[in-house]
PDB file of N, CA and C in Angstrom:
ATOM      1  N   MET A   1     -11.869 -29.322  34.725  1.00  0.00           N
ATOM      2  CA  MET A   1     -12.796 -30.205  35.400  1.00  0.00           C
ATOM      3  C   MET A   1     -13.032 -29.665  36.806  1.00  0.00           C
ATOM      4  N   ASN A   2     -14.300 -29.660  37.189  1.00  0.00           N
ATOM      5  CA  ASN A   2     -14.678 -29.175  38.506  1.00  0.00           C
ATOM      6  C   ASN A   2     -15.536 -30.239  39.194  1.00  0.00           C
ATOM      7  N   ILE A   3     -15.107 -30.702  40.357  1.00  0.00           N
ATOM      8  CA  ILE A   3     -15.877 -31.683  41.124  1.00  0.00           C
ATOM      9  C   ILE A   3     -16.924 -30.929  41.922  1.00  0.00           C
ATOM     10  N   THR A   4     -18.203 -31.273  41.712  1.00  0.00           N
ATOM     11  CA  THR A   4     -19.288 -30.538  42.356  1.00  0.00           C
ATOM     12  C   THR A   4     -19.933 -31.280  43.521  1.00  0.00           C
ATOM     13  N   ASN A   5     -19.797 -32.594  43.564  1.00  0.00           N
ATOM     14  CA  ASN A   5     -20.419 -33.373  44.629  1.00  0.00           C
ATOM     15  C   ASN A   5     -19.815 -34.775  44.620  1.00  0.00           C
ATOM     16  N   HIS A   6     -20.056 -35.518  45.682  1.00  0.00           N
ATOM     17  CA  HIS A   6     -19.552 -36.887  45.726  1.00  0.00           C
ATOM     18  C   HIS A   6     -20.430 -37.767  46.608  1.00  0.00           C
ATOM     19  N   HIS A   7     -20.287 -39.067  46.393  1.00  0.00           N
ATOM     20  CA  HIS A   7     -20.918 -40.086  47.233  1.00  0.00           C
ATOM     21  C   HIS A   7     -19.850 -41.150  47.476  1.00  0.00           C
ATOM     22  N   VAL A   8     -19.707 -41.571  48.723  1.00  0.00           N
ATOM     23  CA  VAL A   8     -18.655 -42.522  49.087  1.00  0.00           C
ATOM     24  C   VAL A   8     -19.266 -43.749  49.744  1.00  0.00           C
ATOM     25  N   GLU A   9     -18.743 -44.905  49.357  1.00  0.00           N
ATOM     26  CA  GLU A   9     -19.128 -46.148  50.004  1.00  0.00           C
ATOM     27  C   GLU A   9     -17.853 -46.923  50.327  1.00  0.00           C
ATOM     28  N   GLU A  10     -17.689 -47.282  51.593  1.00  0.00           N
ATOM     29  CA  GLU A  10     -16.510 -48.064  51.977  1.00  0.00           C
ATOM     30  C   GLU A  10     -16.674 -49.488  51.459  1.00  0.00           C
ATOM     31  N   LEU A  11     -15.606 -50.018  50.875  1.00  0.00           N
ATOM     32  CA  LEU A  11     -15.606 -51.386  50.366  1.00  0.00           C
ATOM     33  C   LEU A  11     -14.952 -52.290  51.400  1.00  0.00           C
ATOM     34  N   LYS A  12     -15.640 -53.332  51.764  1.00  0.00           N
ATOM     35  CA  LYS A  12     -15.113 -54.290  52.729  1.00  0.00           C
ATOM     36  C   LYS A  12     -14.549 -55.492  51.997  1.00  0.00           C
ATOM     37  N   ASP A  13     -13.397 -55.962  52.453  1.00  0.00           N
ATOM     38  CA  ASP A  13     -12.770 -57.154  51.888  1.00  0.00           C
ATOM     39  C   ASP A  13     -13.118 -58.334  52.786  1.00  0.00           C
ATOM     40  N   PRO A  14     -14.065 -59.172  52.390  1.00  0.00           N
ATOM     41  CA  PRO A  14     -14.476 -60.292  53.244  1.00  0.00           C
ATOM     42  C   PRO A  14     -13.377 -61.334  53.447  1.00  0.00           C
ATOM     43  N   THR A  15     -12.380 -61.345  52.566  1.00  0.00           N
ATOM     44  CA  THR A  15     -11.304 -62.336  52.682  1.00  0.00           C
ATOM     45  C   THR A  15     -10.189 -61.868  53.612  1.00  0.00           C
ATOM     46  N   GLY A  16     -10.091 -60.553  53.808  1.00  0.00           N
ATOM     47  CA  GLY A  16      -9.030 -60.015  54.643  1.00  0.00           C
ATOM     48  C   GLY A  16      -7.679 -59.982  53.940  1.00  0.00           C
ATOM     49  N   ILE A  17      -7.661 -60.232  52.650  1.00  0.00           N
ATOM     50  CA  ILE A  17      -6.415 -60.267  51.894  1.00  0.00           C
ATOM     51  C   ILE A  17      -5.874 -58.857  51.642  1.00  0.00           C
ATOM     52  N   LEU A  18      -6.772 -57.932  51.303  1.00  0.00           N
ATOM     53  CA  LEU A  18      -6.364 -56.578  50.959  1.00  0.00           C
ATOM     54  C   LEU A  18      -6.142 -55.755  52.225  1.00  0.00           C
ATOM     55  N   SER A  19      -5.075 -54.977  52.230  1.00  0.00           N
ATOM     56  CA  SER A  19      -4.783 -54.156  53.394  1.00  0.00           C
ATOM     57  C   SER A  19      -5.322 -52.747  53.194  1.00  0.00           C
ATOM     58  N   GLY A  20      -5.473 -52.042  54.272  1.00  0.00           N
ATOM     59  CA  GLY A  20      -5.888 -50.647  54.203  1.00  0.00           C
ATOM     60  C   GLY A  20      -7.380 -50.470  54.005  1.00  0.00           C
ATOM     61  N   ASP A  21      -7.764 -49.238  53.722  1.00  0.00           N
ATOM     62  CA  ASP A  21      -9.157 -48.874  53.516  1.00  0.00           C
ATOM     63  C   ASP A  21      -9.388 -48.612  52.032  1.00  0.00           C
ATOM     64  N   ARG A  22     -10.507 -49.106  51.529  1.00  0.00           N
ATOM     65  CA  ARG A  22     -10.864 -48.938  50.123  1.00  0.00           C
ATOM     66  C   ARG A  22     -12.261 -48.338  50.035  1.00  0.00           C
ATOM     67  N   TYR A  23     -12.403 -47.418  49.098  1.00  0.00           N
ATOM     68  CA  TYR A  23     -13.675 -46.719  48.943  1.00  0.00           C
ATOM     69  C   TYR A  23     -14.048 -46.637  47.468  1.00  0.00           C
ATOM     70  N   GLU A  24     -15.336 -46.827  47.193  1.00  0.00           N
ATOM     71  CA  GLU A  24     -15.863 -46.526  45.871  1.00  0.00           C
ATOM     72  C   GLU A  24     -16.409 -45.110  45.955  1.00  0.00           C
ATOM     73  N   VAL A  25     -15.920 -44.246  45.084  1.00  0.00           N
ATOM     74  CA  VAL A  25     -16.276 -42.832  45.121  1.00  0.00           C
ATOM     75  C   VAL A  25     -16.931 -42.459  43.802  1.00  0.00           C
ATOM     76  N   MET A  26     -18.134 -41.893  43.890  1.00  0.00           N
ATOM     77  CA  MET A  26     -18.833 -41.372  42.715  1.00  0.00           C
ATOM     78  C   MET A  26     -18.699 -39.858  42.763  1.00  0.00           C
ATOM     79  N   LEU A  27     -18.079 -39.292  41.752  1.00  0.00           N
ATOM     80  CA  LEU A  27     -17.812 -37.855  41.710  1.00  0.00           C
ATOM     81  C   LEU A  27     -18.625 -37.199  40.597  1.00  0.00           C
ATOM     82  N   ASP A  28     -19.473 -36.250  40.965  1.00  0.00           N
ATOM     83  CA  ASP A  28     -20.163 -35.434  39.972  1.00  0.00           C
ATOM     84  C   ASP A  28     -19.180 -34.381  39.502  1.00  0.00           C
ATOM     85  N   VAL A  29     -19.013 -34.278  38.197  1.00  0.00           N
ATOM     86  CA  VAL A  29     -18.047 -33.327  37.658  1.00  0.00           C
ATOM     87  C   VAL A  29     -18.683 -32.479  36.555  1.00  0.00           C
ATOM     88  N   GLU A  30     -18.158 -31.287  36.441  1.00  0.00           N
ATOM     89  CA  GLU A  30     -18.506 -30.396  35.342  1.00  0.00           C
ATOM     90  C   GLU A  30     -17.258 -30.204  34.500  1.00  0.00           C
ATOM     91  N   VAL A  31     -17.438 -30.237  33.196  1.00  0.00           N
ATOM     92  CA  VAL A  31     -16.333 -29.973  32.282  1.00  0.00           C
ATOM     93  C   VAL A  31     -16.792 -28.956  31.241  1.00  0.00           C
ATOM     94  N   PRO A  32     -15.895 -28.102  30.791  1.00  0.00           N
ATOM     95  CA  PRO A  32     -16.270 -27.122  29.770  1.00  0.00           C
ATOM     96  C   PRO A  32     -16.598 -27.802  28.437  1.00  0.00           C
ATOM     97  N   GLU A  33     -17.366 -27.123  27.618  1.00  0.00           N
ATOM     98  CA  GLU A  33     -17.795 -27.683  26.327  1.00  0.00           C
ATOM     99  C   GLU A  33     -16.635 -28.032  25.408  1.00  0.00           C
ATOM    100  N   ASP A  34     -15.511 -27.348  25.542  1.00  0.00           N
ATOM    101  CA  ASP A  34     -14.379 -27.628  24.650  1.00  0.00           C
ATOM    102  C   ASP A  34     -13.483 -28.765  25.156  1.00  0.00           C
ATOM    103  N   ASP A  35     -13.847 -29.378  26.269  1.00  0.00           N
ATOM    104  CA  ASP A  35     -13.082 -30.495  26.835  1.00  0.00           C
ATOM    105  C   ASP A  35     -13.503 -31.795  26.144  1.00  0.00           C
ATOM    106  N   ASP A  36     -12.541 -32.703  25.921  1.00  0.00           N
ATOM    107  CA  ASP A  36     -12.842 -34.000  25.309  1.00  0.00           C
ATOM    108  C   ASP A  36     -13.856 -34.803  26.120  1.00  0.00           C
ATOM    109  N   LEU A  37     -13.895 -34.596  27.423  1.00  0.00           N
ATOM    110  CA  LEU A  37     -14.806 -35.333  28.290  1.00  0.00           C
ATOM    111  C   LEU A  37     -16.230 -34.798  28.265  1.00  0.00           C
ATOM    112  N   TYR A  38     -16.445 -33.666  27.624  1.00  0.00           N
ATOM    113  CA  TYR A  38     -17.758 -33.030  27.650  1.00  0.00           C
ATOM    114  C   TYR A  38     -18.819 -33.914  26.993  1.00  0.00           C
ATOM    115  N   SER A  39     -19.987 -33.950  27.631  1.00  0.00           N
ATOM    116  CA  SER A  39     -21.161 -34.622  27.086  1.00  0.00           C
ATOM    117  C   SER A  39     -22.373 -33.784  27.468  1.00  0.00           C
ATOM    118  N   GLU A  40     -23.304 -33.638  26.548  1.00  0.00           N
ATOM    119  CA  GLU A  40     -24.524 -32.889  26.850  1.00  0.00           C
ATOM    120  C   GLU A  40     -25.287 -33.528  27.997  1.00  0.00           C
ATOM    121  N   GLN A  41     -25.158 -34.846  28.141  1.00  0.00           N
ATOM    122  CA  GLN A  41     -25.828 -35.577  29.216  1.00  0.00           C
ATOM    123  C   GLN A  41     -25.199 -35.295  30.585  1.00  0.00           C
ATOM    124  N   GLY A  42     -23.958 -34.840  30.571  1.00  0.00           N
ATOM    125  CA  GLY A  42     -23.186 -34.693  31.798  1.00  0.00           C
ATOM    126  C   GLY A  42     -22.430 -35.980  32.067  1.00  0.00           C
ATOM    127  N   ILE A  43     -21.450 -35.906  32.938  1.00  0.00           N
ATOM    128  CA  ILE A  43     -20.666 -37.095  33.270  1.00  0.00           C
ATOM    129  C   ILE A  43     -20.455 -37.185  34.774  1.00  0.00           C
ATOM    130  N   TYR A  44     -20.094 -38.387  35.206  1.00  0.00           N
ATOM    131  CA  TYR A  44     -19.580 -38.575  36.558  1.00  0.00           C
ATOM    132  C   TYR A  44     -18.430 -39.564  36.478  1.00  0.00           C
ATOM    133  N   ILE A  45     -17.633 -39.578  37.522  1.00  0.00           N
ATOM    134  CA  ILE A  45     -16.474 -40.464  37.563  1.00  0.00           C
ATOM    135  C   ILE A  45     -16.629 -41.414  38.742  1.00  0.00           C
ATOM    136  N   LYS A  46     -16.477 -42.683  38.459  1.00  0.00           N
ATOM    137  CA  LYS A  46     -16.497 -43.719  39.487  1.00  0.00           C
ATOM    138  C   LYS A  46     -15.041 -44.105  39.717  1.00  0.00           C
ATOM    139  N   ALA A  47     -14.574 -43.944  40.946  1.00  0.00           N
ATOM    140  CA  ALA A  47     -13.169 -44.210  41.248  1.00  0.00           C
ATOM    141  C   ALA A  47     -13.051 -45.108  42.478  1.00  0.00           C
ATOM    142  N   ILE A  48     -11.983 -45.879  42.514  1.00  0.00           N
ATOM    143  CA  ILE A  48     -11.644 -46.659  43.704  1.00  0.00           C
ATOM    144  C   ILE A  48     -10.444 -45.971  44.343  1.00  0.00           C
ATOM    145  N   PHE A  49     -10.672 -45.496  45.568  1.00  0.00           N
ATOM    146  CA  PHE A  49      -9.667 -44.775  46.341  1.00  0.00           C
ATOM    147  C   PHE A  49      -9.167 -45.698  47.441  1.00  0.00           C
ATOM    148  N   VAL A  50      -7.844 -45.825  47.567  1.00  0.00           N
ATOM    149  CA  VAL A  50      -7.233 -46.705  48.564  1.00  0.00           C
ATOM    150  C   VAL A  50      -6.323 -45.884  49.470  1.00  0.00           C
ATOM    151  N   ARG A  51      -6.417 -46.170  50.754  1.00  0.00           N
ATOM    152  CA  ARG A  51      -5.502 -45.581  51.739  1.00  0.00           C
ATOM    153  C   ARG A  51      -4.964 -46.742  52.573  1.00  0.00           C
ATOM    154  N   ASP A  52      -3.630 -46.972  52.463  1.00  0.00           N
ATOM    155  CA  ASP A  52      -3.002 -48.057  53.215  1.00  0.00           C
ATOM    156  C   ASP A  52      -1.591 -47.654  53.621  1.00  0.00           C
ATOM    157  N   GLU A  53      -0.772 -48.635  54.021  1.00  0.00           N
ATOM    158  CA  GLU A  53       0.583 -48.340  54.492  1.00  0.00           C
ATOM    159  C   GLU A  53       1.467 -47.739  53.393  1.00  0.00           C
ATOM    160  N   ASN A  54       1.068 -47.880  52.145  1.00  0.00           N
ATOM    161  CA  ASN A  54       1.818 -47.302  51.031  1.00  0.00           C
ATOM    162  C   ASN A  54       1.355 -45.897  50.662  1.00  0.00           C
ATOM    163  N   GLY A  55       0.372 -45.380  51.386  1.00  0.00           N
ATOM    164  CA  GLY A  55      -0.146 -44.042  51.113  1.00  0.00           C
ATOM    165  C   GLY A  55      -1.532 -44.092  50.505  1.00  0.00           C
ATOM    166  N   ALA A  56      -1.934 -42.982  49.923  1.00  0.00           N
ATOM    167  CA  ALA A  56      -3.249 -42.872  49.296  1.00  0.00           C
ATOM    168  C   ALA A  56      -3.071 -42.838  47.781  1.00  0.00           C
ATOM    169  N   ARG A  57      -4.036 -43.468  47.081  1.00  0.00           N
ATOM    170  CA  ARG A  57      -3.953 -43.489  45.624  1.00  0.00           C
ATOM    171  C   ARG A  57      -5.310 -43.857  45.018  1.00  0.00           C
ATOM    172  N   ILE A  58      -5.452 -43.530  43.755  1.00  0.00           N
ATOM    173  CA  ILE A  58      -6.597 -43.951  42.964  1.00  0.00           C
ATOM    174  C   ILE A  58      -6.150 -45.187  42.192  1.00  0.00           C
ATOM    175  N   VAL A  59      -6.822 -46.325  42.396  1.00  0.00           N
ATOM    176  CA  VAL A  59      -6.389 -47.553  41.724  1.00  0.00           C
ATOM    177  C   VAL A  59      -7.207 -47.854  40.473  1.00  0.00           C
ATOM    178  N   GLN A  60      -8.361 -47.206  40.345  1.00  0.00           N
ATOM    179  CA  GLN A  60      -9.188 -47.424  39.166  1.00  0.00           C
ATOM    180  C   GLN A  60     -10.121 -46.237  39.006  1.00  0.00           C
ATOM    181  N   SER A  61     -10.388 -45.870  37.770  1.00  0.00           N
ATOM    182  CA  SER A  61     -11.374 -44.817  37.524  1.00  0.00           C
ATOM    183  C   SER A  61     -12.084 -45.082  36.207  1.00  0.00           C
ATOM    184  N   THR A  62     -13.371 -44.747  36.188  1.00  0.00           N
ATOM    185  CA  THR A  62     -14.194 -44.932  35.008  1.00  0.00           C
ATOM    186  C   THR A  62     -15.013 -43.663  34.809  1.00  0.00           C
ATOM    187  N   ILE A  63     -15.046 -43.175  33.583  1.00  0.00           N
ATOM    188  CA  ILE A  63     -15.832 -41.988  33.257  1.00  0.00           C
ATOM    189  C   ILE A  63     -17.142 -42.466  32.644  1.00  0.00           C
ATOM    190  N   ILE A  64     -18.262 -42.007  33.220  1.00  0.00           N
ATOM    191  CA  ILE A  64     -19.569 -42.502  32.811  1.00  0.00           C
ATOM    192  C   ILE A  64     -20.474 -41.340  32.436  1.00  0.00           C
ATOM    193  N   GLU A  65     -21.171 -41.507  31.322  1.00  0.00           N
ATOM    194  CA  GLU A  65     -22.114 -40.484  30.882  1.00  0.00           C
ATOM    195  C   GLU A  65     -23.393 -40.602  31.703  1.00  0.00           C
ATOM    196  N   ARG A  66     -23.799 -39.489  32.260  1.00  0.00           N
ATOM    197  CA  ARG A  66     -25.005 -39.449  33.072  1.00  0.00           C
ATOM    198  C   ARG A  66     -26.221 -39.747  32.190  1.00  0.00           C
ATOM    199  N   ASN A  67     -27.268 -40.244  32.762  1.00  0.00           N
ATOM    200  CA  ASN A  67     -28.546 -40.588  32.107  1.00  0.00           C
ATOM    201  C   ASN A  67     -28.452 -41.857  31.262  1.00  0.00           C
ATOM    202  N   THR A  68     -27.436 -41.998  30.421  1.00  0.00           N
ATOM    203  CA  THR A  68     -27.329 -43.204  29.590  1.00  0.00           C
ATOM    204  C   THR A  68     -26.513 -44.297  30.272  1.00  0.00           C
ATOM    205  N   GLU A  69     -25.721 -43.912  31.284  1.00  0.00           N
ATOM    206  CA  GLU A  69     -24.821 -44.839  31.989  1.00  0.00           C
ATOM    207  C   GLU A  69     -23.809 -45.491  31.043  1.00  0.00           C
ATOM    208  N   THR A  70     -23.497 -44.813  29.949  1.00  0.00           N
ATOM    209  CA  THR A  70     -22.515 -45.303  28.991  1.00  0.00           C
ATOM    210  C   THR A  70     -21.108 -45.012  29.495  1.00  0.00           C
ATOM    211  N   ILE A  71     -20.258 -46.040  29.479  1.00  0.00           N
ATOM    212  CA  ILE A  71     -18.865 -45.850  29.869  1.00  0.00           C
ATOM    213  C   ILE A  71     -18.150 -45.178  28.702  1.00  0.00           C
ATOM    214  N   MET A  72     -17.514 -44.059  29.013  1.00  0.00           N
ATOM    215  CA  MET A  72     -16.807 -43.313  27.975  1.00  0.00           C
ATOM    216  C   MET A  72     -15.388 -43.865  27.839  1.00  0.00           C
ATOM    217  N   ASP A  73     -14.931 -43.972  26.621  1.00  0.00           N
ATOM    218  CA  ASP A  73     -13.628 -44.574  26.334  1.00  0.00           C
ATOM    219  C   ASP A  73     -12.524 -43.519  26.416  1.00  0.00           C
ATOM    220  N   PHE A  74     -12.333 -42.978  27.620  1.00  0.00           N
ATOM    221  CA  PHE A  74     -11.309 -41.979  27.864  1.00  0.00           C
ATOM    222  C   PHE A  74     -10.529 -42.354  29.113  1.00  0.00           C
ATOM    223  N   GLU A  75      -9.270 -42.022  29.127  1.00  0.00           N
ATOM    224  CA  GLU A  75      -8.439 -42.131  30.325  1.00  0.00           C
ATOM    225  C   GLU A  75      -8.333 -40.744  30.938  1.00  0.00           C
ATOM    226  N   LEU A  76      -8.272 -40.686  32.247  1.00  0.00           N
ATOM    227  CA  LEU A  76      -8.041 -39.405  32.901  1.00  0.00           C
ATOM    228  C   LEU A  76      -6.610 -38.963  32.656  1.00  0.00           C
ATOM    229  N   GLU A  77      -6.438 -37.679  32.465  1.00  0.00           N
ATOM    230  CA  GLU A  77      -5.093 -37.137  32.351  1.00  0.00           C
ATOM    231  C   GLU A  77      -4.477 -37.103  33.742  1.00  0.00           C
ATOM    232  N   GLU A  78      -3.171 -37.005  33.793  1.00  0.00           N
ATOM    233  CA  GLU A  78      -2.449 -37.030  35.065  1.00  0.00           C
ATOM    234  C   GLU A  78      -2.937 -35.935  36.012  1.00  0.00           C
ATOM    235  N   GLU A  79      -3.152 -34.733  35.500  1.00  0.00           N
ATOM    236  CA  GLU A  79      -3.616 -33.635  36.362  1.00  0.00           C
ATOM    237  C   GLU A  79      -5.041 -33.875  36.856  1.00  0.00           C
ATOM    238  N   GLU A  80      -5.880 -34.514  36.053  1.00  0.00           N
ATOM    239  CA  GLU A  80      -7.245 -34.834  36.485  1.00  0.00           C
ATOM    240  C   GLU A  80      -7.226 -35.894  37.571  1.00  0.00           C
ATOM    241  N   GLU A  81      -6.380 -36.893  37.400  1.00  0.00           N
ATOM    242  CA  GLU A  81      -6.258 -37.931  38.417  1.00  0.00           C
ATOM    243  C   GLU A  81      -5.705 -37.347  39.717  1.00  0.00           C
ATOM    244  N   SER A  82      -4.760 -36.430  39.620  1.00  0.00           N
ATOM    245  CA  SER A  82      -4.210 -35.762  40.808  1.00  0.00           C
ATOM    246  C   SER A  82      -5.283 -34.956  41.527  1.00  0.00           C
ATOM    247  N   LEU A  83      -6.137 -34.286  40.747  1.00  0.00           N
ATOM    248  CA  LEU A  83      -7.241 -33.523  41.330  1.00  0.00           C
ATOM    249  C   LEU A  83      -8.196 -34.441  42.089  1.00  0.00           C
ATOM    250  N   ILE A  84      -8.519 -35.576  41.506  1.00  0.00           N
ATOM    251  CA  ILE A  84      -9.416 -36.537  42.161  1.00  0.00           C
ATOM    252  C   ILE A  84      -8.778 -37.089  43.426  1.00  0.00           C
ATOM    253  N   LEU A  85      -7.506 -37.439  43.367  1.00  0.00           N
ATOM    254  CA  LEU A  85      -6.803 -37.941  44.541  1.00  0.00           C
ATOM    255  C   LEU A  85      -6.806 -36.906  45.660  1.00  0.00           C
ATOM    256  N   GLN A  86      -6.474 -35.685  45.331  1.00  0.00           N
ATOM    257  CA  GLN A  86      -6.474 -34.615  46.328  1.00  0.00           C
ATOM    258  C   GLN A  86      -7.870 -34.428  46.930  1.00  0.00           C
ATOM    259  N   TYR A  87      -8.889 -34.444  46.092  1.00  0.00           N
ATOM    260  CA  TYR A  87     -10.263 -34.300  46.558  1.00  0.00           C
ATOM    261  C   TYR A  87     -10.610 -35.427  47.529  1.00  0.00           C
ATOM    262  N   CYS A  88     -10.282 -36.660  47.167  1.00  0.00           N
ATOM    263  CA  CYS A  88     -10.578 -37.806  48.027  1.00  0.00           C
ATOM    264  C   CYS A  88      -9.846 -37.703  49.364  1.00  0.00           C
ATOM    265  N   GLN A  89      -8.584 -37.304  49.336  1.00  0.00           N
ATOM    266  CA  GLN A  89      -7.822 -37.175  50.567  1.00  0.00           C
ATOM    267  C   GLN A  89      -8.443 -36.129  51.488  1.00  0.00           C
ATOM    268  N   GLU A  90      -8.986 -35.072  50.927  1.00  0.00           N
ATOM    269  CA  GLU A  90      -9.580 -34.010  51.725  1.00  0.00           C
ATOM    270  C   GLU A  90     -10.988 -34.331  52.229  1.00  0.00           C
ATOM    271  N   HIS A  91     -11.739 -35.163  51.497  1.00  0.00           N
ATOM    272  CA  HIS A  91     -13.156 -35.365  51.819  1.00  0.00           C
ATOM    273  C   HIS A  91     -13.510 -36.735  52.381  1.00  0.00           C
ATOM    274  N   ILE A  92     -12.589 -37.680  52.370  1.00  0.00           N
ATOM    275  CA  ILE A  92     -12.878 -39.007  52.886  1.00  0.00           C
ATOM    276  C   ILE A  92     -12.056 -39.254  54.137  1.00  0.00           C
ATOM    277  N   GLU A  93     -12.754 -39.558  55.197  1.00  0.00           N
ATOM    278  CA  GLU A  93     -12.054 -39.779  56.484  1.00  0.00           C
ATOM    279  C   GLU A  93     -11.918 -41.231  56.806  1.00  0.00           C
TER     280      GLU A  93
END
């Protein structure tokens, strides 16, 4: 999996209950044809990235097929989630 681009939107907690900073991150990704995640339409990943007193982490992720906006019924593998976390830590200030 190769992350080619991203879009970030900071999520505000109007109640003030949640601590730290939360971001909705849309990641454009490329995957090889032999990967289970491959789709001719292409895919992107919508993730919620959190940075608080407990550190940085991905709390939710959804794999979505481009053009059809169909949610794909796949979980990210541990190494893919680690790649996304590392990417977010490097690109989100």
